[in-house]
Amino acid sequence: LVYGWQAIAPRINCGLIAVGGLGKVGFFLLTVAYWLAGDL
């Protein structure tokens, strides 16, 4: 929903985009870590 909100906003908020970026990178890193641990 936040991505959609920012996609239609006249000005994109860098702070929200940074949090979204950290969330996505964090999701990837957690997935890889749990794969390496044998859980995924």
PDB file of all heavy atoms in Angstrom:
ATOM      1  N   LEU A   1       0.826  -1.210   0.000  1.00  0.00           N
ATOM      2  CA  LEU A   1       0.000   0.000   0.000  1.00  0.00           C
ATOM      3  C   LEU A   1       0.860   1.260   0.000  1.00  0.00           C
ATOM      4  O   LEU A   1       0.548   2.239  -0.689  1.00  0.00           O
ATOM      5  CB  LEU A   1      -0.947  -0.007   1.195  1.00  0.00           C
ATOM      6  CG  LEU A   1      -2.077  -1.035   1.139  1.00  0.00           C
ATOM      7  CD1 LEU A   1      -2.813  -1.103   2.469  1.00  0.00           C
ATOM      8  CD2 LEU A   1      -3.030  -0.714   0.003  1.00  0.00           C
ATOM      9  N   VAL A   2       1.940   1.246   0.758  1.00  0.00           N
ATOM     10  CA  VAL A   2       2.838   2.404   0.781  1.00  0.00           C
ATOM     11  C   VAL A   2       3.496   2.586  -0.587  1.00  0.00           C
ATOM     12  O   VAL A   2       3.625   3.719  -1.070  1.00  0.00           O
ATOM     13  CB  VAL A   2       3.887   2.270   1.905  1.00  0.00           C
ATOM     14  CG1 VAL A   2       4.966   3.344   1.790  1.00  0.00           C
ATOM     15  CG2 VAL A   2       3.210   2.340   3.265  1.00  0.00           C
ATOM     16  N   TYR A   3       3.889   1.495  -1.237  1.00  0.00           N
ATOM     17  CA  TYR A   3       4.469   1.618  -2.582  1.00  0.00           C
ATOM     18  C   TYR A   3       3.458   2.239  -3.541  1.00  0.00           C
ATOM     19  O   TYR A   3       3.800   3.104  -4.353  1.00  0.00           O
ATOM     20  CB  TYR A   3       4.936   0.266  -3.125  1.00  0.00           C
ATOM     21  CG  TYR A   3       6.037  -0.384  -2.316  1.00  0.00           C
ATOM     22  CD1 TYR A   3       6.034  -1.757  -2.077  1.00  0.00           C
ATOM     23  CD2 TYR A   3       7.081   0.349  -1.787  1.00  0.00           C
ATOM     24  CE1 TYR A   3       7.029  -2.359  -1.336  1.00  0.00           C
ATOM     25  CE2 TYR A   3       8.085  -0.247  -1.038  1.00  0.00           C
ATOM     26  CZ  TYR A   3       8.048  -1.600  -0.823  1.00  0.00           C
ATOM     27  OH  TYR A   3       9.034  -2.197  -0.095  1.00  0.00           O
ATOM     28  N   GLY A   4       2.207   1.808  -3.454  1.00  0.00           N
ATOM     29  CA  GLY A   4       1.169   2.368  -4.305  1.00  0.00           C
ATOM     30  C   GLY A   4       0.934   3.842  -4.008  1.00  0.00           C
ATOM     31  O   GLY A   4       0.780   4.660  -4.923  1.00  0.00           O
ATOM     32  N   TRP A   5       0.906   4.174  -2.731  1.00  0.00           N
ATOM     33  CA  TRP A   5       0.723   5.565  -2.314  1.00  0.00           C
ATOM     34  C   TRP A   5       1.841   6.432  -2.880  1.00  0.00           C
ATOM     35  O   TRP A   5       1.599   7.512  -3.429  1.00  0.00           O
ATOM     36  CB  TRP A   5       0.679   5.613  -0.794  1.00  0.00           C
ATOM     37  CG  TRP A   5       0.719   6.970  -0.171  1.00  0.00           C
ATOM     38  CD1 TRP A   5       0.130   8.114  -0.640  1.00  0.00           C
ATOM     39  CD2 TRP A   5       1.365   7.321   1.046  1.00  0.00           C
ATOM     40  NE1 TRP A   5       0.388   9.157   0.224  1.00  0.00           N
ATOM     41  CE2 TRP A   5       1.151   8.689   1.274  1.00  0.00           C
ATOM     42  CE3 TRP A   5       2.105   6.594   1.973  1.00  0.00           C
ATOM     43  CZ2 TRP A   5       1.646   9.354   2.383  1.00  0.00           C
ATOM     44  CZ3 TRP A   5       2.591   7.256   3.081  1.00  0.00           C
ATOM     45  CH2 TRP A   5       2.362   8.616   3.281  1.00  0.00           C
ATOM     46  N   GLN A   6       3.073   5.950  -2.772  1.00  0.00           N
ATOM     47  CA  GLN A   6       4.194   6.733  -3.283  1.00  0.00           C
ATOM     48  C   GLN A   6       4.204   6.791  -4.816  1.00  0.00           C
ATOM     49  O   GLN A   6       4.642   7.772  -5.403  1.00  0.00           O
ATOM     50  CB  GLN A   6       5.513   6.178  -2.753  1.00  0.00           C
ATOM     51  CG  GLN A   6       5.722   6.456  -1.280  1.00  0.00           C
ATOM     52  CD  GLN A   6       5.683   7.936  -0.979  1.00  0.00           C
ATOM     53  OE1 GLN A   6       6.592   8.686  -1.327  1.00  0.00           O
ATOM     54  NE2 GLN A   6       4.601   8.388  -0.342  1.00  0.00           N
ATOM     55  N   ALA A   7       3.704   5.761  -5.463  1.00  0.00           N
ATOM     56  CA  ALA A   7       3.659   5.750  -6.928  1.00  0.00           C
ATOM     57  C   ALA A   7       2.736   6.834  -7.472  1.00  0.00           C
ATOM     58  O   ALA A   7       2.972   7.357  -8.562  1.00  0.00           O
ATOM     59  CB  ALA A   7       3.223   4.378  -7.434  1.00  0.00           C
ATOM     60  N   ILE A   8       1.682   7.186  -6.708  1.00  0.00           N
ATOM     61  CA  ILE A   8       0.749   8.208  -7.189  1.00  0.00           C
ATOM     62  C   ILE A   8       0.990   9.575  -6.554  1.00  0.00           C
ATOM     63  O   ILE A   8       0.369  10.553  -6.961  1.00  0.00           O
ATOM     64  CB  ILE A   8      -0.724   7.778  -6.968  1.00  0.00           C
ATOM     65  CG1 ILE A   8      -1.034   7.597  -5.495  1.00  0.00           C
ATOM     66  CG2 ILE A   8      -1.053   6.532  -7.765  1.00  0.00           C
ATOM     67  CD1 ILE A   8      -2.502   7.366  -5.178  1.00  0.00           C
ATOM     68  N   ALA A   9       1.887   9.647  -5.580  1.00  0.00           N
ATOM     69  CA  ALA A   9       2.152  10.918  -4.899  1.00  0.00           C
ATOM     70  C   ALA A   9       2.848  11.891  -5.852  1.00  0.00           C
ATOM     71  O   ALA A   9       3.696  11.481  -6.648  1.00  0.00           O
ATOM     72  CB  ALA A   9       3.032  10.682  -3.670  1.00  0.00           C
ATOM     73  N   PRO A  10       2.502  13.166  -5.765  1.00  0.00           N
ATOM     74  CA  PRO A  10       3.176  14.153  -6.611  1.00  0.00           C
ATOM     75  C   PRO A  10       4.687  14.215  -6.341  1.00  0.00           C
ATOM     76  O   PRO A  10       5.479  14.384  -7.264  1.00  0.00           O
ATOM     77  CB  PRO A  10       2.520  15.480  -6.235  1.00  0.00           C
ATOM     78  CG  PRO A  10       1.269  15.139  -5.512  1.00  0.00           C
ATOM     79  CD  PRO A  10       1.451  13.762  -4.943  1.00  0.00           C
ATOM     80  N   ARG A  11       5.065  14.075  -5.071  1.00  0.00           N
ATOM     81  CA  ARG A  11       6.479  14.048  -4.687  1.00  0.00           C
ATOM     82  C   ARG A  11       6.720  12.778  -3.882  1.00  0.00           C
ATOM     83  O   ARG A  11       5.983  12.477  -2.955  1.00  0.00           O
ATOM     84  CB  ARG A  11       6.826  15.263  -3.825  1.00  0.00           C
ATOM     85  CG  ARG A  11       6.545  16.606  -4.458  1.00  0.00           C
ATOM     86  CD  ARG A  11       7.542  17.047  -5.455  1.00  0.00           C
ATOM     87  NE  ARG A  11       8.798  17.370  -4.795  1.00  0.00           N
ATOM     88  CZ  ARG A  11       9.896  17.663  -5.470  1.00  0.00           C
ATOM     89  NH1 ARG A  11       9.885  17.676  -6.773  1.00  0.00           N
ATOM     90  NH2 ARG A  11      10.999  17.940  -4.843  1.00  0.00           N
ATOM     91  N   ILE A  12       7.735  12.037  -4.252  1.00  0.00           N
ATOM     92  CA  ILE A  12       8.036  10.773  -3.581  1.00  0.00           C
ATOM     93  C   ILE A  12       8.875  11.048  -2.335  1.00  0.00           C
ATOM     94  O   ILE A  12       9.860  11.782  -2.384  1.00  0.00           O
ATOM     95  CB  ILE A  12       8.763   9.814  -4.544  1.00  0.00           C
ATOM     96  CG1 ILE A  12       7.816   9.447  -5.695  1.00  0.00           C
ATOM     97  CG2 ILE A  12       9.252   8.576  -3.818  1.00  0.00           C
ATOM     98  CD1 ILE A  12       8.461   8.639  -6.787  1.00  0.00           C
ATOM     99  N   ASN A  13       8.489  10.462  -1.216  1.00  0.00           N
ATOM    100  CA  ASN A  13       9.161  10.650   0.060  1.00  0.00           C
ATOM    101  C   ASN A  13      10.361   9.714   0.155  1.00  0.00           C
ATOM    102  O   ASN A  13      10.194   8.491   0.193  1.00  0.00           O
ATOM    103  CB  ASN A  13       8.168  10.398   1.196  1.00  0.00           C
ATOM    104  CG  ASN A  13       8.763  10.655   2.549  1.00  0.00           C
ATOM    105  OD1 ASN A  13       9.716  10.009   2.948  1.00  0.00           O
ATOM    106  ND2 ASN A  13       8.181  11.593   3.268  1.00  0.00           N
ATOM    107  N   CYS A  14      11.559  10.297   0.225  1.00  0.00           N
ATOM    108  CA  CYS A  14      12.784   9.483   0.281  1.00  0.00           C
ATOM    109  C   CYS A  14      12.849   8.600   1.517  1.00  0.00           C
ATOM    110  O   CYS A  14      13.372   7.491   1.451  1.00  0.00           O
ATOM    111  CB  CYS A  14      14.007  10.388   0.228  1.00  0.00           C
ATOM    112  SG  CYS A  14      14.357  11.035  -1.389  1.00  0.00           S
ATOM    113  N   GLY A  15      12.339   9.089   2.634  1.00  0.00           N
ATOM    114  CA  GLY A  15      12.366   8.281   3.854  1.00  0.00           C
ATOM    115  C   GLY A  15      11.557   7.008   3.712  1.00  0.00           C
ATOM    116  O   GLY A  15      12.012   5.926   4.098  1.00  0.00           O
ATOM    117  N   LEU A  16      10.367   7.122   3.148  1.00  0.00           N
ATOM    118  CA  LEU A  16       9.539   5.925   2.928  1.00  0.00           C
ATOM    119  C   LEU A  16      10.187   4.977   1.935  1.00  0.00           C
ATOM    120  O   LEU A  16      10.133   3.753   2.104  1.00  0.00           O
ATOM    121  CB  LEU A  16       8.145   6.332   2.447  1.00  0.00           C
ATOM    122  CG  LEU A  16       7.254   7.004   3.486  1.00  0.00           C
ATOM    123  CD1 LEU A  16       5.950   7.459   2.839  1.00  0.00           C
ATOM    124  CD2 LEU A  16       6.978   6.069   4.645  1.00  0.00           C
ATOM    125  N   ILE A  17      10.803   5.531   0.902  1.00  0.00           N
ATOM    126  CA  ILE A  17      11.474   4.680  -0.091  1.00  0.00           C
ATOM    127  C   ILE A  17      12.668   3.974   0.545  1.00  0.00           C
ATOM    128  O   ILE A  17      12.921   2.800   0.266  1.00  0.00           O
ATOM    129  CB  ILE A  17      11.905   5.522  -1.311  1.00  0.00           C
ATOM    130  CG1 ILE A  17      10.681   6.134  -1.998  1.00  0.00           C
ATOM    131  CG2 ILE A  17      12.721   4.697  -2.301  1.00  0.00           C
ATOM    132  CD1 ILE A  17       9.621   5.136  -2.416  1.00  0.00           C
ATOM    133  N   ALA A  18      13.393   4.657   1.415  1.00  0.00           N
ATOM    134  CA  ALA A  18      14.527   4.032   2.105  1.00  0.00           C
ATOM    135  C   ALA A  18      14.054   2.889   3.003  1.00  0.00           C
ATOM    136  O   ALA A  18      14.663   1.815   3.020  1.00  0.00           O
ATOM    137  CB  ALA A  18      15.286   5.076   2.923  1.00  0.00           C
ATOM    138  N   VAL A  19      12.963   3.102   3.750  1.00  0.00           N
ATOM    139  CA  VAL A  19      12.427   2.030   4.608  1.00  0.00           C
ATOM    140  C   VAL A  19      11.994   0.844   3.750  1.00  0.00           C
ATOM    141  O   VAL A  19      12.253  -0.314   4.093  1.00  0.00           O
ATOM    142  CB  VAL A  19      11.270   2.556   5.484  1.00  0.00           C
ATOM    143  CG1 VAL A  19      10.554   1.419   6.190  1.00  0.00           C
ATOM    144  CG2 VAL A  19      11.793   3.557   6.494  1.00  0.00           C
ATOM    145  N   GLY A  20      11.336   1.127   2.631  1.00  0.00           N
ATOM    146  CA  GLY A  20      10.948   0.051   1.720  1.00  0.00           C
ATOM    147  C   GLY A  20      12.160  -0.708   1.195  1.00  0.00           C
ATOM    148  O   GLY A  20      12.154  -1.936   1.112  1.00  0.00           O
ATOM    149  N   GLY A  21      13.210   0.030   0.837  1.00  0.00           N
ATOM    150  CA  GLY A  21      14.432  -0.609   0.352  1.00  0.00           C
ATOM    151  C   GLY A  21      15.077  -1.473   1.417  1.00  0.00           C
ATOM    152  O   GLY A  21      15.513  -2.602   1.146  1.00  0.00           O
ATOM    153  N   LEU A  22      15.132  -0.963   2.645  1.00  0.00           N
ATOM    154  CA  LEU A  22      15.701  -1.757   3.741  1.00  0.00           C
ATOM    155  C   LEU A  22      14.862  -2.998   4.004  1.00  0.00           C
ATOM    156  O   LEU A  22      15.399  -4.083   4.280  1.00  0.00           O
ATOM    157  CB  LEU A  22      15.798  -0.908   5.009  1.00  0.00           C
ATOM    158  CG  LEU A  22      16.841   0.205   4.977  1.00  0.00           C
ATOM    159  CD1 LEU A  22      16.694   1.111   6.196  1.00  0.00           C
ATOM    160  CD2 LEU A  22      18.246  -0.384   4.907  1.00  0.00           C
ATOM    161  N   GLY A  23      13.537  -2.859   3.922  1.00  0.00           N
ATOM    162  CA  GLY A  23      12.662  -4.011   4.115  1.00  0.00           C
ATOM    163  C   GLY A  23      12.918  -5.088   3.069  1.00  0.00           C
ATOM    164  O   GLY A  23      12.982  -6.274   3.380  1.00  0.00           O
ATOM    165  N   LYS A  24      13.074  -4.676   1.824  1.00  0.00           N
ATOM    166  CA  LYS A  24      13.282  -5.644   0.739  1.00  0.00           C
ATOM    167  C   LYS A  24      14.646  -6.312   0.844  1.00  0.00           C
ATOM    168  O   LYS A  24      14.760  -7.529   0.699  1.00  0.00           O
ATOM    169  CB  LYS A  24      13.115  -4.961  -0.617  1.00  0.00           C
ATOM    170  CG  LYS A  24      11.662  -4.594  -0.852  1.00  0.00           C
ATOM    171  CD  LYS A  24      11.315  -4.596  -2.303  1.00  0.00           C
ATOM    172  CE  LYS A  24       9.828  -4.611  -2.488  1.00  0.00           C
ATOM    173  NZ  LYS A  24       9.204  -5.906  -2.325  1.00  0.00           N
ATOM    174  N   VAL A  25      15.694  -5.521   1.096  1.00  0.00           N
ATOM    175  CA  VAL A  25      17.027  -6.105   1.248  1.00  0.00           C
ATOM    176  C   VAL A  25      17.056  -7.020   2.470  1.00  0.00           C
ATOM    177  O   VAL A  25      17.618  -8.121   2.422  1.00  0.00           O
ATOM    178  CB  VAL A  25      18.111  -5.005   1.332  1.00  0.00           C
ATOM    179  CG1 VAL A  25      19.458  -5.587   1.719  1.00  0.00           C
ATOM    180  CG2 VAL A  25      18.222  -4.258  -0.002  1.00  0.00           C
ATOM    181  N   GLY A  26      16.420  -6.586   3.560  1.00  0.00           N
ATOM    182  CA  GLY A  26      16.376  -7.417   4.766  1.00  0.00           C
ATOM    183  C   GLY A  26      15.653  -8.731   4.536  1.00  0.00           C
ATOM    184  O   GLY A  26      16.094  -9.785   5.011  1.00  0.00           O
ATOM    185  N   PHE A  27      14.530  -8.683   3.802  1.00  0.00           N
ATOM    186  CA  PHE A  27      13.814  -9.915   3.481  1.00  0.00           C
ATOM    187  C   PHE A  27      14.714 -10.872   2.694  1.00  0.00           C
ATOM    188  O   PHE A  27      14.784 -12.062   3.000  1.00  0.00           O
ATOM    189  CB  PHE A  27      12.544  -9.607   2.687  1.00  0.00           C
ATOM    190  CG  PHE A  27      11.813 -10.841   2.228  1.00  0.00           C
ATOM    191  CD1 PHE A  27      11.059 -11.584   3.115  1.00  0.00           C
ATOM    192  CD2 PHE A  27      11.905 -11.262   0.912  1.00  0.00           C
ATOM    193  CE1 PHE A  27      10.402 -12.737   2.699  1.00  0.00           C
ATOM    194  CE2 PHE A  27      11.247 -12.409   0.487  1.00  0.00           C
ATOM    195  CZ  PHE A  27      10.497 -13.152   1.382  1.00  0.00           C
ATOM    196  N   PHE A  28      15.430 -10.354   1.721  1.00  0.00           N
ATOM    197  CA  PHE A  28      16.336 -11.191   0.937  1.00  0.00           C
ATOM    198  C   PHE A  28      17.424 -11.793   1.826  1.00  0.00           C
ATOM    199  O   PHE A  28      17.689 -12.999   1.770  1.00  0.00           O
ATOM    200  CB  PHE A  28      16.972 -10.392  -0.207  1.00  0.00           C
ATOM    201  CG  PHE A  28      18.019 -11.169  -0.947  1.00  0.00           C
ATOM    202  CD1 PHE A  28      17.646 -12.090  -1.909  1.00  0.00           C
ATOM    203  CD2 PHE A  28      19.361 -10.996  -0.673  1.00  0.00           C
ATOM    204  CE1 PHE A  28      18.605 -12.834  -2.590  1.00  0.00           C
ATOM    205  CE2 PHE A  28      20.327 -11.726  -1.341  1.00  0.00           C
ATOM    206  CZ  PHE A  28      19.953 -12.647  -2.302  1.00  0.00           C
ATOM    207  N   LEU A  29      18.055 -10.964   2.653  1.00  0.00           N
ATOM    208  CA  LEU A  29      19.146 -11.453   3.504  1.00  0.00           C
ATOM    209  C   LEU A  29      18.661 -12.491   4.508  1.00  0.00           C
ATOM    210  O   LEU A  29      19.348 -13.489   4.750  1.00  0.00           O
ATOM    211  CB  LEU A  29      19.824 -10.285   4.217  1.00  0.00           C
ATOM    212  CG  LEU A  29      20.592  -9.321   3.305  1.00  0.00           C
ATOM    213  CD1 LEU A  29      21.113  -8.135   4.107  1.00  0.00           C
ATOM    214  CD2 LEU A  29      21.721 -10.030   2.574  1.00  0.00           C
ATOM    215  N   LEU A  30      17.475 -12.285   5.091  1.00  0.00           N
ATOM    216  CA  LEU A  30      16.930 -13.290   6.011  1.00  0.00           C
ATOM    217  C   LEU A  30      16.626 -14.594   5.296  1.00  0.00           C
ATOM    218  O   LEU A  30      16.899 -15.682   5.818  1.00  0.00           O
ATOM    219  CB  LEU A  30      15.651 -12.758   6.669  1.00  0.00           C
ATOM    220  CG  LEU A  30      15.848 -11.763   7.794  1.00  0.00           C
ATOM    221  CD1 LEU A  30      14.511 -11.146   8.186  1.00  0.00           C
ATOM    222  CD2 LEU A  30      16.511 -12.422   8.990  1.00  0.00           C
ATOM    223  N   THR A  31      16.089 -14.493   4.092  1.00  0.00           N
ATOM    224  CA  THR A  31      15.782 -15.700   3.321  1.00  0.00           C
ATOM    225  C   THR A  31      17.052 -16.474   3.015  1.00  0.00           C
ATOM    226  O   THR A  31      17.106 -17.702   3.184  1.00  0.00           O
ATOM    227  CB  THR A  31      15.036 -15.331   2.017  1.00  0.00           C
ATOM    228  OG1 THR A  31      13.862 -14.592   2.362  1.00  0.00           O
ATOM    229  CG2 THR A  31      14.641 -16.565   1.240  1.00  0.00           C
ATOM    230  N   VAL A  32      18.093 -15.779   2.598  1.00  0.00           N
ATOM    231  CA  VAL A  32      19.375 -16.443   2.300  1.00  0.00           C
ATOM    232  C   VAL A  32      19.971 -17.037   3.568  1.00  0.00           C
ATOM    233  O   VAL A  32      20.468 -18.176   3.558  1.00  0.00           O
ATOM    234  CB  VAL A  32      20.350 -15.467   1.613  1.00  0.00           C
ATOM    235  CG1 VAL A  32      21.753 -16.042   1.547  1.00  0.00           C
ATOM    236  CG2 VAL A  32      19.854 -15.113   0.212  1.00  0.00           C
ATOM    237  N   ALA A  33      19.917 -16.303   4.676  1.00  0.00           N
ATOM    238  CA  ALA A  33      20.477 -16.814   5.930  1.00  0.00           C
ATOM    239  C   ALA A  33      19.774 -18.096   6.374  1.00  0.00           C
ATOM    240  O   ALA A  33      20.431 -19.069   6.768  1.00  0.00           O
ATOM    241  CB  ALA A  33      20.372 -15.743   7.022  1.00  0.00           C
ATOM    242  N   TYR A  34      18.448 -18.121   6.275  1.00  0.00           N
ATOM    243  CA  TYR A  34      17.722 -19.324   6.690  1.00  0.00           C
ATOM    244  C   TYR A  34      17.893 -20.467   5.681  1.00  0.00           C
ATOM    245  O   TYR A  34      17.851 -21.639   6.065  1.00  0.00           O
ATOM    246  CB  TYR A  34      16.246 -19.008   6.948  1.00  0.00           C
ATOM    247  CG  TYR A  34      16.056 -18.358   8.286  1.00  0.00           C
ATOM    248  CD1 TYR A  34      15.976 -16.977   8.396  1.00  0.00           C
ATOM    249  CD2 TYR A  34      15.996 -19.118   9.449  1.00  0.00           C
ATOM    250  CE1 TYR A  34      15.824 -16.370   9.641  1.00  0.00           C
ATOM    251  CE2 TYR A  34      15.843 -18.519  10.688  1.00  0.00           C
ATOM    252  CZ  TYR A  34      15.763 -17.138  10.776  1.00  0.00           C
ATOM    253  OH  TYR A  34      15.629 -16.551  12.005  1.00  0.00           O
ATOM    254  N   TRP A  35      18.116 -20.141   4.424  1.00  0.00           N
ATOM    255  CA  TRP A  35      18.449 -21.175   3.436  1.00  0.00           C
ATOM    256  C   TRP A  35      19.812 -21.787   3.781  1.00  0.00           C
ATOM    257  O   TRP A  35      19.963 -23.006   3.802  1.00  0.00           O
ATOM    258  CB  TRP A  35      18.453 -20.583   2.034  1.00  0.00           C
ATOM    259  CG  TRP A  35      19.146 -21.444   1.010  1.00  0.00           C
ATOM    260  CD1 TRP A  35      18.837 -22.731   0.674  1.00  0.00           C
ATOM    261  CD2 TRP A  35      20.268 -21.091   0.227  1.00  0.00           C
ATOM    262  NE1 TRP A  35      19.704 -23.196  -0.288  1.00  0.00           N
ATOM    263  CE2 TRP A  35      20.592 -22.194  -0.580  1.00  0.00           C
ATOM    264  CE3 TRP A  35      21.029 -19.930   0.105  1.00  0.00           C
ATOM    265  CZ2 TRP A  35      21.651 -22.183  -1.479  1.00  0.00           C
ATOM    266  CZ3 TRP A  35      22.080 -19.909  -0.788  1.00  0.00           C
ATOM    267  CH2 TRP A  35      22.376 -21.037  -1.563  1.00  0.00           C
ATOM    268  N   LEU A  36      20.806 -20.931   4.066  1.00  0.00           N
ATOM    269  CA  LEU A  36      22.145 -21.428   4.411  1.00  0.00           C
ATOM    270  C   LEU A  36      22.121 -22.255   5.691  1.00  0.00           C
ATOM    271  O   LEU A  36      22.905 -23.189   5.848  1.00  0.00           O
ATOM    272  CB  LEU A  36      23.127 -20.265   4.541  1.00  0.00           C
ATOM    273  CG  LEU A  36      23.467 -19.547   3.233  1.00  0.00           C
ATOM    274  CD1 LEU A  36      24.299 -18.298   3.511  1.00  0.00           C
ATOM    275  CD2 LEU A  36      24.177 -20.477   2.260  1.00  0.00           C
ATOM    276  N   ALA A  37      21.208 -21.928   6.599  1.00  0.00           N
ATOM    277  CA  ALA A  37      21.083 -22.693   7.849  1.00  0.00           C
ATOM    278  C   ALA A  37      20.323 -23.999   7.644  1.00  0.00           C
ATOM    279  O   ALA A  37      20.234 -24.817   8.555  1.00  0.00           O
ATOM    280  CB  ALA A  37      20.376 -21.842   8.905  1.00  0.00           C
ATOM    281  N   GLY A  38      19.763 -24.190   6.444  1.00  0.00           N
ATOM    282  CA  GLY A  38      19.043 -25.419   6.148  1.00  0.00           C
ATOM    283  C   GLY A  38      17.562 -25.384   6.482  1.00  0.00           C
ATOM    284  O   GLY A  38      16.891 -26.411   6.409  1.00  0.00           O
ATOM    285  N   ASP A  39      17.048 -24.217   6.838  1.00  0.00           N
ATOM    286  CA  ASP A  39      15.644 -24.113   7.211  1.00  0.00           C
ATOM    287  C   ASP A  39      14.719 -23.833   6.027  1.00  0.00           C
ATOM    288  O   ASP A  39      13.499 -24.013   6.150  1.00  0.00           O
ATOM    289  CB  ASP A  39      15.448 -23.003   8.250  1.00  0.00           C
ATOM    290  CG  ASP A  39      16.111 -23.343   9.578  1.00  0.00           C
ATOM    291  OD1 ASP A  39      16.274 -24.539   9.878  1.00  0.00           O
ATOM    292  OD2 ASP A  39      16.479 -22.402  10.302  1.00  0.00           O
ATOM    293  N   LEU A  40      15.252 -23.370   4.931  1.00  0.00           N
ATOM    294  CA  LEU A  40      14.457 -23.053   3.740  1.00  0.00           C
ATOM    295  C   LEU A  40      15.094 -23.693   2.513  1.00  0.00           C
ATOM    296  O   LEU A  40      16.316 -23.801   2.436  1.00  0.00           O
ATOM    297  CB  LEU A  40      14.389 -21.537   3.504  1.00  0.00           C
ATOM    298  CG  LEU A  40      13.659 -20.688   4.523  1.00  0.00           C
ATOM    299  CD1 LEU A  40      13.818 -19.210   4.189  1.00  0.00           C
ATOM    300  CD2 LEU A  40      12.195 -21.069   4.573  1.00  0.00           C
TER     301      LEU A  40
END
